[in-house]
C-alpha cells in the first residue's frame, strides 16, 4: 500500500490513509474482473503522477503473502523480495542527492552483477 502523506490520518486510526498503486483498471468489464480474481503477479508495475506538494513523508508498505497450492500458509520458507521505485521531478534539479541525504541509513544503491559492453 502507498501512504502519500503521514499527516492524513483518520480519527481513531493509527496509520495514515492509503492509496492504491496497483489497482485493477477502473473500467474493467465483469468478465475481466472475474478472470483476475485470485490471480497474483510475481512482478507488479504501476505508474502514478502526483504533485510533490501532496506528498509528506510518503511510504510504501510491502508485505509478502506466502501461498501454498493457492491458499495462505504459515509454513512457507521466507523469500527475499524488493521494491524498486523510479521518481521523476523535472523541476527538482537535485532530487537524487536530496533523497540520498534524507534516507542515507535506509536506501541502498543497486549494485549490478553483470557488466555489459557499451557499443558506440
PDB file of N, CA and C in Angstrom:
ATOM      1  N   UNK A   1       0.835  -1.179   0.000  1.00  0.00           N
ATOM      2  CA  UNK A   1       0.000   0.000   0.000  1.00  0.00           C
ATOM      3  C   UNK A   1       0.878   1.241   0.000  1.00  0.00           C
ATOM      4  N   UNK A   2       0.367   2.278  -0.568  1.00  0.00           N
ATOM      5  CA  UNK A   2       1.087   3.540  -0.643  1.00  0.00           C
ATOM      6  C   UNK A   2       0.413   4.536   0.290  1.00  0.00           C
ATOM      7  N   UNK A   3       1.193   5.190   1.111  1.00  0.00           N
ATOM      8  CA  UNK A   3       0.692   6.221   2.016  1.00  0.00           C
ATOM      9  C   UNK A   3       1.358   7.539   1.612  1.00  0.00           C
ATOM     10  N   UNK A   4       0.632   8.380   0.857  1.00  0.00           N
ATOM     11  CA  UNK A   4       1.245   9.602   0.327  1.00  0.00           C
ATOM     12  C   UNK A   4       1.571  10.669   1.377  1.00  0.00           C
ATOM     13  N   UNK A   5       0.823  10.706   2.478  1.00  0.00           N
ATOM     14  CA  UNK A   5       1.063  11.741   3.478  1.00  0.00           C
ATOM     15  C   UNK A   5       0.888  11.191   4.886  1.00  0.00           C
ATOM     16  N   UNK A   6       1.917  11.358   5.696  1.00  0.00           N
ATOM     17  CA  UNK A   6       1.833  10.885   7.074  1.00  0.00           C
ATOM     18  C   UNK A   6       0.857  11.710   7.909  1.00  0.00           C
ATOM     19  N   UNK A   7       0.473  12.883   7.413  1.00  0.00           N
ATOM     20  CA  UNK A   7      -0.411  13.765   8.168  1.00  0.00           C
ATOM     21  C   UNK A   7      -1.896  13.457   7.953  1.00  0.00           C
ATOM     22  N   UNK A   8      -2.211  12.650   6.944  1.00  0.00           N
ATOM     23  CA  UNK A   8      -3.613  12.336   6.659  1.00  0.00           C
ATOM     24  C   UNK A   8      -3.998  11.040   7.380  1.00  0.00           C
ATOM     25  N   UNK A   9      -4.344  11.190   8.658  1.00  0.00           N
ATOM     26  CA  UNK A   9      -4.737  10.055   9.493  1.00  0.00           C
ATOM     27  C   UNK A   9      -6.173  10.289   9.951  1.00  0.00           C
ATOM     28  N   UNK A  10      -7.047   9.328   9.675  1.00  0.00           N
ATOM     29  CA  UNK A  10      -8.443   9.457  10.088  1.00  0.00           C
ATOM     30  C   UNK A  10      -8.550   9.298  11.600  1.00  0.00           C
ATOM     31  N   UNK A  11      -9.570   9.919  12.171  1.00  0.00           N
ATOM     32  CA  UNK A  11      -9.797   9.852  13.612  1.00  0.00           C
ATOM     33  C   UNK A  11      -9.952   8.394  14.036  1.00  0.00           C
ATOM     34  N   UNK A  12      -9.232   7.993  15.074  1.00  0.00           N
ATOM     35  CA  UNK A  12      -9.312   6.637  15.595  1.00  0.00           C
ATOM     36  C   UNK A  12      -8.363   5.660  14.930  1.00  0.00           C
ATOM     37  N   UNK A  13      -7.669   6.094  13.887  1.00  0.00           N
ATOM     38  CA  UNK A  13      -6.718   5.222  13.183  1.00  0.00           C
ATOM     39  C   UNK A  13      -5.300   5.547  13.640  1.00  0.00           C
ATOM     40  N   UNK A  14      -4.405   4.555  13.544  1.00  0.00           N
ATOM     41  CA  UNK A  14      -3.021   4.791  13.960  1.00  0.00           C
ATOM     42  C   UNK A  14      -2.084   5.018  12.780  1.00  0.00           C
ATOM     43  N   UNK A  15      -2.541   4.693  11.553  1.00  0.00           N
ATOM     44  CA  UNK A  15      -1.714   4.871  10.362  1.00  0.00           C
ATOM     45  C   UNK A  15      -2.376   5.835   9.383  1.00  0.00           C
ATOM     46  N   UNK A  16      -1.544   6.436   8.553  1.00  0.00           N
ATOM     47  CA  UNK A  16      -2.048   7.364   7.537  1.00  0.00           C
ATOM     48  C   UNK A  16      -2.893   6.629   6.501  1.00  0.00           C
ATOM     49  N   UNK A  17      -3.758   7.371   5.829  1.00  0.00           N
ATOM     50  CA  UNK A  17      -4.622   6.816   4.783  1.00  0.00           C
ATOM     51  C   UNK A  17      -3.776   6.231   3.657  1.00  0.00           C
ATOM     52  N   UNK A  18      -4.268   5.159   3.064  1.00  0.00           N
ATOM     53  CA  UNK A  18      -3.568   4.523   1.954  1.00  0.00           C
ATOM     54  C   UNK A  18      -4.216   4.884   0.633  1.00  0.00           C
ATOM     55  N   UNK A  19      -3.431   4.732  -0.404  1.00  0.00           N
ATOM     56  CA  UNK A  19      -3.896   4.975  -1.761  1.00  0.00           C
ATOM     57  C   UNK A  19      -3.423   3.789  -2.593  1.00  0.00           C
ATOM     58  N   UNK A  20      -4.329   3.153  -3.331  1.00  0.00           N
ATOM     59  CA  UNK A  20      -3.941   2.019  -4.162  1.00  0.00           C
ATOM     60  C   UNK A  20      -2.946   2.432  -5.229  1.00  0.00           C
ATOM     61  N   UNK A  21      -1.986   1.596  -5.482  1.00  0.00           N
ATOM     62  CA  UNK A  21      -0.985   1.893  -6.501  1.00  0.00           C
ATOM     63  C   UNK A  21      -1.033   0.891  -7.638  1.00  0.00           C
ATOM     64  N   UNK A  22      -1.459  -0.326  -7.353  1.00  0.00           N
ATOM     65  CA  UNK A  22      -1.510  -1.380  -8.350  1.00  0.00           C
ATOM     66  C   UNK A  22      -2.946  -1.846  -8.571  1.00  0.00           C
ATOM     67  N   UNK A  23      -3.877  -0.909  -8.577  1.00  0.00           N
ATOM     68  CA  UNK A  23      -5.287  -1.255  -8.735  1.00  0.00           C
ATOM     69  C   UNK A  23      -5.588  -1.806 -10.118  1.00  0.00           C
ATOM     70  N   UNK A  24      -6.665  -2.613 -10.173  1.00  0.00           N
ATOM     71  CA  UNK A  24      -7.146  -3.068 -11.478  1.00  0.00           C
ATOM     72  C   UNK A  24      -7.615  -1.841 -12.238  1.00  0.00           C
ATOM     73  N   UNK A  25      -7.685  -1.953 -13.539  1.00  0.00           N
ATOM     74  CA  UNK A  25      -8.107  -0.790 -14.305  1.00  0.00           C
ATOM     75  C   UNK A  25      -9.517  -0.367 -13.903  1.00  0.00           C
ATOM     76  N   UNK A  26      -9.783   0.923 -13.955  1.00  0.00           N
ATOM     77  CA  UNK A  26     -11.034   1.482 -13.459  1.00  0.00           C
ATOM     78  C   UNK A  26     -12.270   0.908 -14.140  1.00  0.00           C
ATOM     79  N   UNK A  27     -12.199   0.724 -15.432  1.00  0.00           N
ATOM     80  CA  UNK A  27     -13.403   0.370 -16.167  1.00  0.00           C
ATOM     81  C   UNK A  27     -13.341  -1.040 -16.723  1.00  0.00           C
ATOM     82  N   UNK A  28     -12.881  -1.982 -15.912  1.00  0.00           N
ATOM     83  CA  UNK A  28     -12.813  -3.378 -16.345  1.00  0.00           C
ATOM     84  C   UNK A  28     -14.228  -3.938 -16.463  1.00  0.00           C
ATOM     85  N   UNK A  29     -14.436  -4.793 -17.449  1.00  0.00           N
ATOM     86  CA  UNK A  29     -15.737  -5.443 -17.596  1.00  0.00           C
ATOM     87  C   UNK A  29     -15.881  -6.498 -16.507  1.00  0.00           C
ATOM     88  N   UNK A  30     -17.098  -7.008 -16.330  1.00  0.00           N
ATOM     89  CA  UNK A  30     -17.319  -8.052 -15.329  1.00  0.00           C
ATOM     90  C   UNK A  30     -16.486  -9.286 -15.646  1.00  0.00           C
ATOM     91  N   UNK A  31     -16.416  -9.672 -16.930  1.00  0.00           N
ATOM     92  CA  UNK A  31     -15.614 -10.836 -17.311  1.00  0.00           C
ATOM     93  C   UNK A  31     -14.142 -10.630 -16.968  1.00  0.00           C
ATOM     94  N   UNK A  32     -13.616  -9.422 -17.232  1.00  0.00           N
ATOM     95  CA  UNK A  32     -12.214  -9.144 -16.917  1.00  0.00           C
ATOM     96  C   UNK A  32     -11.979  -9.210 -15.408  1.00  0.00           C
ATOM     97  N   UNK A  33     -12.910  -8.682 -14.631  1.00  0.00           N
ATOM     98  CA  UNK A  33     -12.769  -8.720 -13.175  1.00  0.00           C
ATOM     99  C   UNK A  33     -12.806 -10.158 -12.662  1.00  0.00           C
ATOM    100  N   UNK A  34     -13.698 -10.975 -13.199  1.00  0.00           N
ATOM    101  CA  UNK A  34     -13.792 -12.371 -12.752  1.00  0.00           C
ATOM    102  C   UNK A  34     -12.539 -13.157 -13.126  1.00  0.00           C
ATOM    103  N   UNK A  35     -11.969 -12.870 -14.305  1.00  0.00           N
ATOM    104  CA  UNK A  35     -10.789 -13.624 -14.731  1.00  0.00           C
ATOM    105  C   UNK A  35      -9.571 -13.272 -13.889  1.00  0.00           C
ATOM    106  N   UNK A  36      -9.542 -12.092 -13.286  1.00  0.00           N
ATOM    107  CA  UNK A  36      -8.411 -11.678 -12.461  1.00  0.00           C
ATOM    108  C   UNK A  36      -8.526 -12.120 -11.013  1.00  0.00           C
ATOM    109  N   UNK A  37      -9.688 -12.519 -10.571  1.00  0.00           N
ATOM    110  CA  UNK A  37      -9.877 -12.875  -9.164  1.00  0.00           C
ATOM    111  C   UNK A  37      -8.985 -14.061  -8.782  1.00  0.00           C
ATOM    112  N   UNK A  38      -8.287 -13.910  -7.682  1.00  0.00           N
ATOM    113  CA  UNK A  38      -7.463 -14.998  -7.184  1.00  0.00           C
ATOM    114  C   UNK A  38      -6.109 -15.115  -7.848  1.00  0.00           C
ATOM    115  N   UNK A  39      -5.836 -14.289  -8.862  1.00  0.00           N
ATOM    116  CA  UNK A  39      -4.529 -14.357  -9.525  1.00  0.00           C
ATOM    117  C   UNK A  39      -3.574 -13.404  -8.828  1.00  0.00           C
ATOM    118  N   UNK A  40      -2.321 -13.696  -8.943  1.00  0.00           N
ATOM    119  CA  UNK A  40      -1.317 -12.796  -8.409  1.00  0.00           C
ATOM    120  C   UNK A  40      -0.146 -12.753  -9.380  1.00  0.00           C
ATOM    121  N   UNK A  41       0.555 -11.668  -9.375  1.00  0.00           N
ATOM    122  CA  UNK A  41       1.680 -11.461 -10.279  1.00  0.00           C
ATOM    123  C   UNK A  41       2.974 -11.489  -9.483  1.00  0.00           C
ATOM    124  N   UNK A  42       4.018 -12.033 -10.086  1.00  0.00           N
ATOM    125  CA  UNK A  42       5.310 -12.017  -9.408  1.00  0.00           C
ATOM    126  C   UNK A  42       5.962 -10.642  -9.508  1.00  0.00           C
ATOM    127  N   UNK A  43       5.591  -9.876 -10.522  1.00  0.00           N
ATOM    128  CA  UNK A  43       6.110  -8.521 -10.673  1.00  0.00           C
ATOM    129  C   UNK A  43       4.940  -7.601 -10.998  1.00  0.00           C
ATOM    130  N   UNK A  44       4.771  -6.559 -10.201  1.00  0.00           N
ATOM    131  CA  UNK A  44       3.721  -5.585 -10.450  1.00  0.00           C
ATOM    132  C   UNK A  44       4.355  -4.297 -10.939  1.00  0.00           C
ATOM    133  N   UNK A  45       3.663  -3.628 -11.813  1.00  0.00           N
ATOM    134  CA  UNK A  45       4.130  -2.355 -12.335  1.00  0.00           C
ATOM    135  C   UNK A  45       3.026  -1.328 -12.106  1.00  0.00           C
ATOM    136  N   UNK A  46       3.412  -0.169 -11.705  1.00  0.00           N
ATOM    137  CA  UNK A  46       2.438   0.896 -11.515  1.00  0.00           C
ATOM    138  C   UNK A  46       3.060   2.216 -11.897  1.00  0.00           C
ATOM    139  N   UNK A  47       2.229   3.162 -12.273  1.00  0.00           N
ATOM    140  CA  UNK A  47       2.711   4.475 -12.669  1.00  0.00           C
ATOM    141  C   UNK A  47       1.677   5.496 -12.232  1.00  0.00           C
ATOM    142  N   UNK A  48       2.089   6.441 -11.411  1.00  0.00           N
ATOM    143  CA  UNK A  48       1.196   7.488 -10.946  1.00  0.00           C
ATOM    144  C   UNK A  48       1.896   8.824 -11.019  1.00  0.00           C
ATOM    145  N   UNK A  49       1.162   9.826 -11.431  1.00  0.00           N
ATOM    146  CA  UNK A  49       1.679  11.196 -11.410  1.00  0.00           C
ATOM    147  C   UNK A  49       0.976  11.930 -10.276  1.00  0.00           C
ATOM    148  N   UNK A  50       1.748  12.648  -9.499  1.00  0.00           N
ATOM    149  CA  UNK A  50       1.156  13.426  -8.415  1.00  0.00           C
ATOM    150  C   UNK A  50       2.033  14.633  -8.126  1.00  0.00           C
ATOM    151  N   UNK A  51       1.429  15.619  -7.536  1.00  0.00           N
ATOM    152  CA  UNK A  51       2.165  16.827  -7.180  1.00  0.00           C
ATOM    153  C   UNK A  51       3.052  16.556  -5.970  1.00  0.00           C
ATOM    154  N   UNK A  52       4.261  17.067  -6.027  1.00  0.00           N
ATOM    155  CA  UNK A  52       5.171  16.913  -4.904  1.00  0.00           C
ATOM    156  C   UNK A  52       4.610  17.519  -3.629  1.00  0.00           C
ATOM    157  N   UNK A  53       3.820  18.580  -3.773  1.00  0.00           N
ATOM    158  CA  UNK A  53       3.244  19.239  -2.594  1.00  0.00           C
ATOM    159  C   UNK A  53       2.199  18.375  -1.895  1.00  0.00           C
ATOM    160  N   UNK A  54       1.698  17.328  -2.573  1.00  0.00           N
ATOM    161  CA  UNK A  54       0.706  16.436  -1.951  1.00  0.00           C
ATOM    162  C   UNK A  54       1.380  15.318  -1.157  1.00  0.00           C
ATOM    163  N   UNK A  55       2.704  15.242  -1.231  1.00  0.00           N
ATOM    164  CA  UNK A  55       3.439  14.192  -0.539  1.00  0.00           C
ATOM    165  C   UNK A  55       4.082  14.735   0.732  1.00  0.00           C
ATOM    166  N   UNK A  56       3.954  13.985   1.810  1.00  0.00           N
ATOM    167  CA  UNK A  56       4.585  14.367   3.068  1.00  0.00           C
ATOM    168  C   UNK A  56       5.078  13.092   3.741  1.00  0.00           C
ATOM    169  N   UNK A  57       6.375  12.837   3.633  1.00  0.00           N
ATOM    170  CA  UNK A  57       6.973  11.591   4.111  1.00  0.00           C
ATOM    171  C   UNK A  57       6.212  10.375   3.590  1.00  0.00           C
ATOM    172  N   UNK A  58       6.092  10.255   2.261  1.00  0.00           N
ATOM    173  CA  UNK A  58       5.347   9.127   1.691  1.00  0.00           C
ATOM    174  C   UNK A  58       6.070   7.807   1.932  1.00  0.00           C
ATOM    175  N   UNK A  59       5.296   6.722   2.062  1.00  0.00           N
ATOM    176  CA  UNK A  59       5.874   5.399   2.269  1.00  0.00           C
ATOM    177  C   UNK A  59       5.075   4.352   1.507  1.00  0.00           C
ATOM    178  N   UNK A  60       5.766   3.266   1.152  1.00  0.00           N
ATOM    179  CA  UNK A  60       5.127   2.060   0.645  1.00  0.00           C
ATOM    180  C   UNK A  60       5.219   1.020   1.749  1.00  0.00           C
ATOM    181  N   UNK A  61       4.116   0.365   2.048  1.00  0.00           N
ATOM    182  CA  UNK A  61       4.131  -0.781   2.945  1.00  0.00           C
ATOM    183  C   UNK A  61       4.140  -2.002   2.038  1.00  0.00           C
ATOM    184  N   UNK A  62       5.196  -2.805   2.114  1.00  0.00           N
ATOM    185  CA  UNK A  62       5.256  -4.004   1.283  1.00  0.00           C
ATOM    186  C   UNK A  62       5.260  -5.219   2.187  1.00  0.00           C
ATOM    187  N   UNK A  63       4.557  -6.254   1.745  1.00  0.00           N
ATOM    188  CA  UNK A  63       4.402  -7.449   2.561  1.00  0.00           C
ATOM    189  C   UNK A  63       4.273  -8.655   1.646  1.00  0.00           C
ATOM    190  N   UNK A  64       4.973  -9.700   1.974  1.00  0.00           N
ATOM    191  CA  UNK A  64       4.927 -10.946   1.214  1.00  0.00           C
ATOM    192  C   UNK A  64       3.875 -11.866   1.830  1.00  0.00           C
ATOM    193  N   UNK A  65       2.908 -12.303   1.032  1.00  0.00           N
ATOM    194  CA  UNK A  65       1.894 -13.248   1.486  1.00  0.00           C
ATOM    195  C   UNK A  65       2.237 -14.623   0.935  1.00  0.00           C
ATOM    196  N   UNK A  66       2.704 -15.496   1.791  1.00  0.00           N
ATOM    197  CA  UNK A  66       3.071 -16.847   1.359  1.00  0.00           C
ATOM    198  C   UNK A  66       1.834 -17.626   0.941  1.00  0.00           C
ATOM    199  N   UNK A  67       1.978 -18.423  -0.123  1.00  0.00           N
ATOM    200  CA  UNK A  67       0.875 -19.241  -0.633  1.00  0.00           C
ATOM    201  C   UNK A  67       1.358 -20.671  -0.818  1.00  0.00           C
ATOM    202  N   UNK A  68       0.467 -21.590  -0.604  1.00  0.00           N
ATOM    203  CA  UNK A  68       0.742 -22.996  -0.873  1.00  0.00           C
ATOM    204  C   UNK A  68      -0.506 -23.569  -1.533  1.00  0.00           C
ATOM    205  N   UNK A  69      -0.364 -24.024  -2.769  1.00  0.00           N
ATOM    206  CA  UNK A  69      -1.498 -24.528  -3.557  1.00  0.00           C
ATOM    207  C   UNK A  69      -2.601 -23.476  -3.649  1.00  0.00           C
ATOM    208  N   UNK A  70      -2.207 -22.208  -3.751  1.00  0.00           N
ATOM    209  CA  UNK A  70      -3.157 -21.121  -3.921  1.00  0.00           C
ATOM    210  C   UNK A  70      -3.795 -20.613  -2.646  1.00  0.00           C
ATOM    211  N   UNK A  71      -3.464 -21.208  -1.511  1.00  0.00           N
ATOM    212  CA  UNK A  71      -4.048 -20.796  -0.233  1.00  0.00           C
ATOM    213  C   UNK A  71      -2.973 -20.222   0.683  1.00  0.00           C
ATOM    214  N   UNK A  72      -3.369 -19.358   1.613  1.00  0.00           N
ATOM    215  CA  UNK A  72      -2.386 -18.830   2.563  1.00  0.00           C
ATOM    216  C   UNK A  72      -1.766 -19.950   3.395  1.00  0.00           C
ATOM    217  N   UNK A  73      -0.515 -19.743   3.795  1.00  0.00           N
ATOM    218  CA  UNK A  73       0.175 -20.733   4.625  1.00  0.00           C
ATOM    219  C   UNK A  73       1.116 -20.034   5.586  1.00  0.00           C
ATOM    220  N   UNK A  74       1.421 -20.703   6.678  1.00  0.00           N
ATOM    221  CA  UNK A  74       2.378 -20.152   7.638  1.00  0.00           C
ATOM    222  C   UNK A  74       3.670 -20.954   7.639  1.00  0.00           C
ATOM    223  N   UNK A  75       3.714 -22.047   6.866  1.00  0.00           N
ATOM    224  CA  UNK A  75       4.898 -22.907   6.888  1.00  0.00           C
ATOM    225  C   UNK A  75       5.851 -22.666   5.707  1.00  0.00           C
ATOM    226  N   UNK A  76       5.570 -21.676   4.879  1.00  0.00           N
ATOM    227  CA  UNK A  76       6.433 -21.417   3.719  1.00  0.00           C
ATOM    228  C   UNK A  76       7.762 -20.814   4.153  1.00  0.00           C
ATOM    229  N   UNK A  77       8.796 -21.108   3.374  1.00  0.00           N
ATOM    230  CA  UNK A  77      10.107 -20.510   3.644  1.00  0.00           C
ATOM    231  C   UNK A  77      10.062 -19.021   3.330  1.00  0.00           C
ATOM    232  N   UNK A  78      10.874 -18.272   4.036  1.00  0.00           N
ATOM    233  CA  UNK A  78      10.971 -16.843   3.760  1.00  0.00           C
ATOM    234  C   UNK A  78      11.711 -16.643   2.444  1.00  0.00           C
ATOM    235  N   UNK A  79      11.307 -15.629   1.696  1.00  0.00           N
ATOM    236  CA  UNK A  79      11.986 -15.304   0.447  1.00  0.00           C
ATOM    237  C   UNK A  79      12.426 -13.848   0.490  1.00  0.00           C
ATOM    238  N   UNK A  80      13.423 -13.545  -0.322  1.00  0.00           N
ATOM    239  CA  UNK A  80      13.885 -12.161  -0.434  1.00  0.00           C
ATOM    240  C   UNK A  80      13.090 -11.493  -1.546  1.00  0.00           C
ATOM    241  N   UNK A  81      12.688 -10.276  -1.327  1.00  0.00           N
ATOM    242  CA  UNK A  81      11.991  -9.520  -2.359  1.00  0.00           C
ATOM    243  C   UNK A  81      12.347  -8.053  -2.225  1.00  0.00           C
ATOM    244  N   UNK A  82      12.011  -7.303  -3.242  1.00  0.00           N
ATOM    245  CA  UNK A  82      12.412  -5.896  -3.261  1.00  0.00           C
ATOM    246  C   UNK A  82      11.329  -5.028  -3.883  1.00  0.00           C
ATOM    247  N   UNK A  83      11.408  -3.758  -3.585  1.00  0.00           N
ATOM    248  CA  UNK A  83      10.565  -2.749  -4.204  1.00  0.00           C
ATOM    249  C   UNK A  83      11.506  -1.764  -4.880  1.00  0.00           C
ATOM    250  N   UNK A  84      11.341  -1.588  -6.156  1.00  0.00           N
ATOM    251  CA  UNK A  84      12.187  -0.660  -6.912  1.00  0.00           C
ATOM    252  C   UNK A  84      11.299   0.482  -7.394  1.00  0.00           C
ATOM    253  N   UNK A  85      11.718   1.687  -7.107  1.00  0.00           N
ATOM    254  CA  UNK A  85      10.916   2.871  -7.426  1.00  0.00           C
ATOM    255  C   UNK A  85      11.727   3.827  -8.293  1.00  0.00           C
ATOM    256  N   UNK A  86      11.080   4.370  -9.295  1.00  0.00           N
ATOM    257  CA  UNK A  86      11.670   5.430 -10.102  1.00  0.00           C
ATOM    258  C   UNK A  86      10.876   6.698  -9.827  1.00  0.00           C
ATOM    259  N   UNK A  87      11.568   7.766  -9.479  1.00  0.00           N
ATOM    260  CA  UNK A  87      10.918   9.044  -9.191  1.00  0.00           C
ATOM    261  C   UNK A  87      11.444  10.065 -10.174  1.00  0.00           C
ATOM    262  N   UNK A  88      10.532  10.790 -10.795  1.00  0.00           N
ATOM    263  CA  UNK A  88      10.914  11.859 -11.717  1.00  0.00           C
ATOM    264  C   UNK A  88      10.298  13.168 -11.243  1.00  0.00           C
ATOM    265  N   UNK A  89      11.110  14.209 -11.192  1.00  0.00           N
ATOM    266  CA  UNK A  89      10.646  15.544 -10.823  1.00  0.00           C
ATOM    267  C   UNK A  89      11.475  16.553 -11.612  1.00  0.00           C
ATOM    268  N   UNK A  90      11.065  16.859 -12.842  1.00  0.00           N
ATOM    269  CA  UNK A  90      11.863  17.711 -13.725  1.00  0.00           C
ATOM    270  C   UNK A  90      12.259  19.063 -13.130  1.00  0.00           C
ATOM    271  N   UNK A  91      11.438  19.628 -12.260  1.00  0.00           N
ATOM    272  CA  UNK A  91      11.744  20.946 -11.695  1.00  0.00           C
ATOM    273  C   UNK A  91      12.632  20.868 -10.450  1.00  0.00           C
ATOM    274  N   UNK A  92      12.876  19.660  -9.956  1.00  0.00           N
ATOM    275  CA  UNK A  92      13.716  19.471  -8.770  1.00  0.00           C
ATOM    276  C   UNK A  92      15.080  18.965  -9.243  1.00  0.00           C
ATOM    277  N   UNK A  93      16.002  19.877  -9.458  1.00  0.00           N
ATOM    278  CA  UNK A  93      17.271  19.544 -10.107  1.00  0.00           C
ATOM    279  C   UNK A  93      18.205  18.663  -9.274  1.00  0.00           C
ATOM    280  N   UNK A  94      18.087  18.695  -7.953  1.00  0.00           N
ATOM    281  CA  UNK A  94      18.983  17.900  -7.107  1.00  0.00           C
ATOM    282  C   UNK A  94      18.222  16.805  -6.359  1.00  0.00           C
ATOM    283  N   UNK A  95      17.201  16.255  -6.987  1.00  0.00           N
ATOM    284  CA  UNK A  95      16.332  15.272  -6.352  1.00  0.00           C
ATOM    285  C   UNK A  95      17.102  14.057  -5.838  1.00  0.00           C
ATOM    286  N   UNK A  96      17.952  13.491  -6.672  1.00  0.00           N
ATOM    287  CA  UNK A  96      18.690  12.283  -6.284  1.00  0.00           C
ATOM    288  C   UNK A  96      19.485  12.507  -4.996  1.00  0.00           C
ATOM    289  N   UNK A  97      20.272  13.568  -4.952  1.00  0.00           N
ATOM    290  CA  UNK A  97      21.096  13.833  -3.774  1.00  0.00           C
ATOM    291  C   UNK A  97      20.267  14.179  -2.545  1.00  0.00           C
ATOM    292  N   UNK A  98      19.155  14.883  -2.735  1.00  0.00           N
ATOM    293  CA  UNK A  98      18.277  15.211  -1.603  1.00  0.00           C
ATOM    294  C   UNK A  98      17.676  13.943  -0.995  1.00  0.00           C
ATOM    295  N   UNK A  99      17.246  13.020  -1.837  1.00  0.00           N
ATOM    296  CA  UNK A  99      16.686  11.755  -1.340  1.00  0.00           C
ATOM    297  C   UNK A  99      17.775  10.932  -0.673  1.00  0.00           C
ATOM    298  N   UNK A 100      18.932  10.866  -1.284  1.00  0.00           N
ATOM    299  CA  UNK A 100      20.047  10.106  -0.716  1.00  0.00           C
ATOM    300  C   UNK A 100      20.433  10.629   0.662  1.00  0.00           C
ATOM    301  N   UNK A 101      20.481  11.938   0.823  1.00  0.00           N
ATOM    302  CA  UNK A 101      20.808  12.527   2.131  1.00  0.00           C
ATOM    303  C   UNK A 101      19.710  12.233   3.161  1.00  0.00           C
ATOM    304  N   UNK A 102      18.456  12.349   2.754  1.00  0.00           N
ATOM    305  CA  UNK A 102      17.347  12.159   3.685  1.00  0.00           C
ATOM    306  C   UNK A 102      17.219  10.715   4.156  1.00  0.00           C
ATOM    307  N   UNK A 103      17.578   9.754   3.285  1.00  0.00           N
ATOM    308  CA  UNK A 103      17.394   8.338   3.615  1.00  0.00           C
ATOM    309  C   UNK A 103      18.709   7.563   3.555  1.00  0.00           C
ATOM    310  N   UNK A 104      19.792   8.207   3.929  1.00  0.00           N
ATOM    311  CA  UNK A 104      21.122   7.595   3.827  1.00  0.00           C
ATOM    312  C   UNK A 104      21.241   6.288   4.601  1.00  0.00           C
ATOM    313  N   UNK A 105      20.506   6.145   5.696  1.00  0.00           N
ATOM    314  CA  UNK A 105      20.605   4.933   6.509  1.00  0.00           C
ATOM    315  C   UNK A 105      19.652   3.834   6.026  1.00  0.00           C
ATOM    316  N   UNK A 106      18.794   4.139   5.074  1.00  0.00           N
ATOM    317  CA  UNK A 106      17.783   3.185   4.627  1.00  0.00           C
ATOM    318  C   UNK A 106      18.019   2.679   3.208  1.00  0.00           C
ATOM    319  N   UNK A 107      18.301   3.595   2.288  1.00  0.00           N
ATOM    320  CA  UNK A 107      18.429   3.228   0.878  1.00  0.00           C
ATOM    321  C   UNK A 107      19.778   2.623   0.547  1.00  0.00           C
ATOM    322  N   UNK A 108      19.755   1.686  -0.372  1.00  0.00           N
ATOM    323  CA  UNK A 108      20.981   1.075  -0.868  1.00  0.00           C
ATOM    324  C   UNK A 108      21.013   1.204  -2.380  1.00  0.00           C
ATOM    325  N   UNK A 109      22.129   1.628  -2.951  1.00  0.00           N
ATOM    326  CA  UNK A 109      22.204   1.692  -4.412  1.00  0.00           C
ATOM    327  C   UNK A 109      22.221   0.286  -5.001  1.00  0.00           C
ATOM    328  N   UNK A 110      21.663   0.138  -6.164  1.00  0.00           N
ATOM    329  CA  UNK A 110      21.670  -1.156  -6.841  1.00  0.00           C
ATOM    330  C   UNK A 110      23.074  -1.415  -7.355  1.00  0.00           C
ATOM    331  N   UNK A 111      23.604  -2.584  -7.042  1.00  0.00           N
ATOM    332  CA  UNK A 111      24.933  -2.976  -7.491  1.00  0.00           C
ATOM    333  C   UNK A 111      24.788  -4.000  -8.614  1.00  0.00           C
ATOM    334  N   UNK A 112      25.090  -3.620  -9.856  1.00  0.00           N
ATOM    335  CA  UNK A 112      24.970  -4.574 -10.964  1.00  0.00           C
ATOM    336  C   UNK A 112      25.898  -5.767 -10.767  1.00  0.00           C
ATOM    337  N   UNK A 113      25.413  -6.949 -11.117  1.00  0.00           N
ATOM    338  CA  UNK A 113      26.223  -8.154 -11.001  1.00  0.00           C
ATOM    339  C   UNK A 113      26.781  -8.581 -12.351  1.00  0.00           C
ATOM    340  N   UNK A 114      26.322  -7.942 -13.402  1.00  0.00           N
ATOM    341  CA  UNK A 114      26.776  -8.271 -14.754  1.00  0.00           C
ATOM    342  C   UNK A 114      27.219  -6.972 -15.429  1.00  0.00           C
ATOM    343  N   UNK A 115      28.334  -7.019 -16.107  1.00  0.00           N
ATOM    344  CA  UNK A 115      28.813  -5.864 -16.849  1.00  0.00           C
ATOM    345  C   UNK A 115      28.619  -6.108 -18.332  1.00  0.00           C
ATOM    346  N   UNK A 116      27.985  -5.166 -18.986  1.00  0.00           N
ATOM    347  CA  UNK A 116      27.749  -5.274 -20.420  1.00  0.00           C
ATOM    348  C   UNK A 116      28.585  -4.228 -21.151  1.00  0.00           C
ATOM    349  N   UNK A 117      29.209  -4.591 -22.245  1.00  0.00           N
ATOM    350  CA  UNK A 117      29.967  -3.597 -23.008  1.00  0.00           C
ATOM    351  C   UNK A 117      29.015  -2.614 -23.687  1.00  0.00           C
ATOM    352  N   UNK A 118      29.429  -1.375 -23.720  1.00  0.00           N
ATOM    353  CA  UNK A 118      28.633  -0.357 -24.384  1.00  0.00           C
ATOM    354  C   UNK A 118      29.243  -0.101 -25.748  1.00  0.00           C
ATOM    355  N   UNK A 119      28.465  -0.292 -26.787  1.00  0.00           N
ATOM    356  CA  UNK A 119      28.947  -0.082 -28.157  1.00  0.00           C
ATOM    357  C   UNK A 119      28.500   1.282 -28.645  1.00  0.00           C
ATOM    358  N   UNK A 120      29.418   1.997 -29.225  1.00  0.00           N
ATOM    359  CA  UNK A 120      29.112   3.338 -29.715  1.00  0.00           C
ATOM    360  C   UNK A 120      29.214   3.358 -31.222  1.00  0.00           C
TER     361      UNK A 120
END
